[in-house]
Amino acid sequence: DVEGRGLKNTGGYIFYDGQNAQWLDPAKPKAREYVCALAKEIAILGFDEVILTDLSYPTLGKVDKIAYGDAPKEDNLTLLLQELHRAMSDETVVISIELSPEVILGEDKGVSGLSLDLVLPYVDRIYAKTDPDQAASLAAAVGHRAAALNCKTVFVPELTEHTDAISGSRLVLN
């Protein structure tokens, strides 16, 4: 449903990113409704956590050809996160988001439309693919901004193998 949910290019056709994938457009109400309904269904099924991945604008491909619409990218993503937060307010499920290290460290330059300040009020955990050497700086960045915004959001590193160099929660992906 490109008209109702899909991200378009400036020519009015489906936008394909650098990996030939299509994206939902957070500016469109039907796309936001879909994400919220999906998260709600996951919670009702009894899952403990919903991890949002790729909840941003594309950062690969001809991103200058995306038809972003009138509102800034950040406003569209904030609206999606606000609606998701409201939709999940009666649920006990943890809402998490996977961010790139660049977004966490403020080096994204606005391409994705995301920033720590934008997501922190709406999520319980922030995940990022990282290595043990970078995990501490990412955790510190999240912790510092979360404290400044009076949020209880925590950082969870995604690692490729278990290591004793990191204490606390982690996600090990093989």
Foldseek 3Di string as FASTA:
>chain_A
DCVQWWWAFLVGHFDAFQVRDTDTQLQHPVNLVVVLVVVLVCLVVPDQEDEAELLFDDPGHPLVRTPNPDDQRLVSSLVSLVVSQVSCVVGNHFYEYEDELCQLVVNSVCSRSGHLVSCQVRGQEYEYEDELVCQVVSQVSNVVVCVVVVGNYGYEYEYCDDDPSDDDHHHHDD
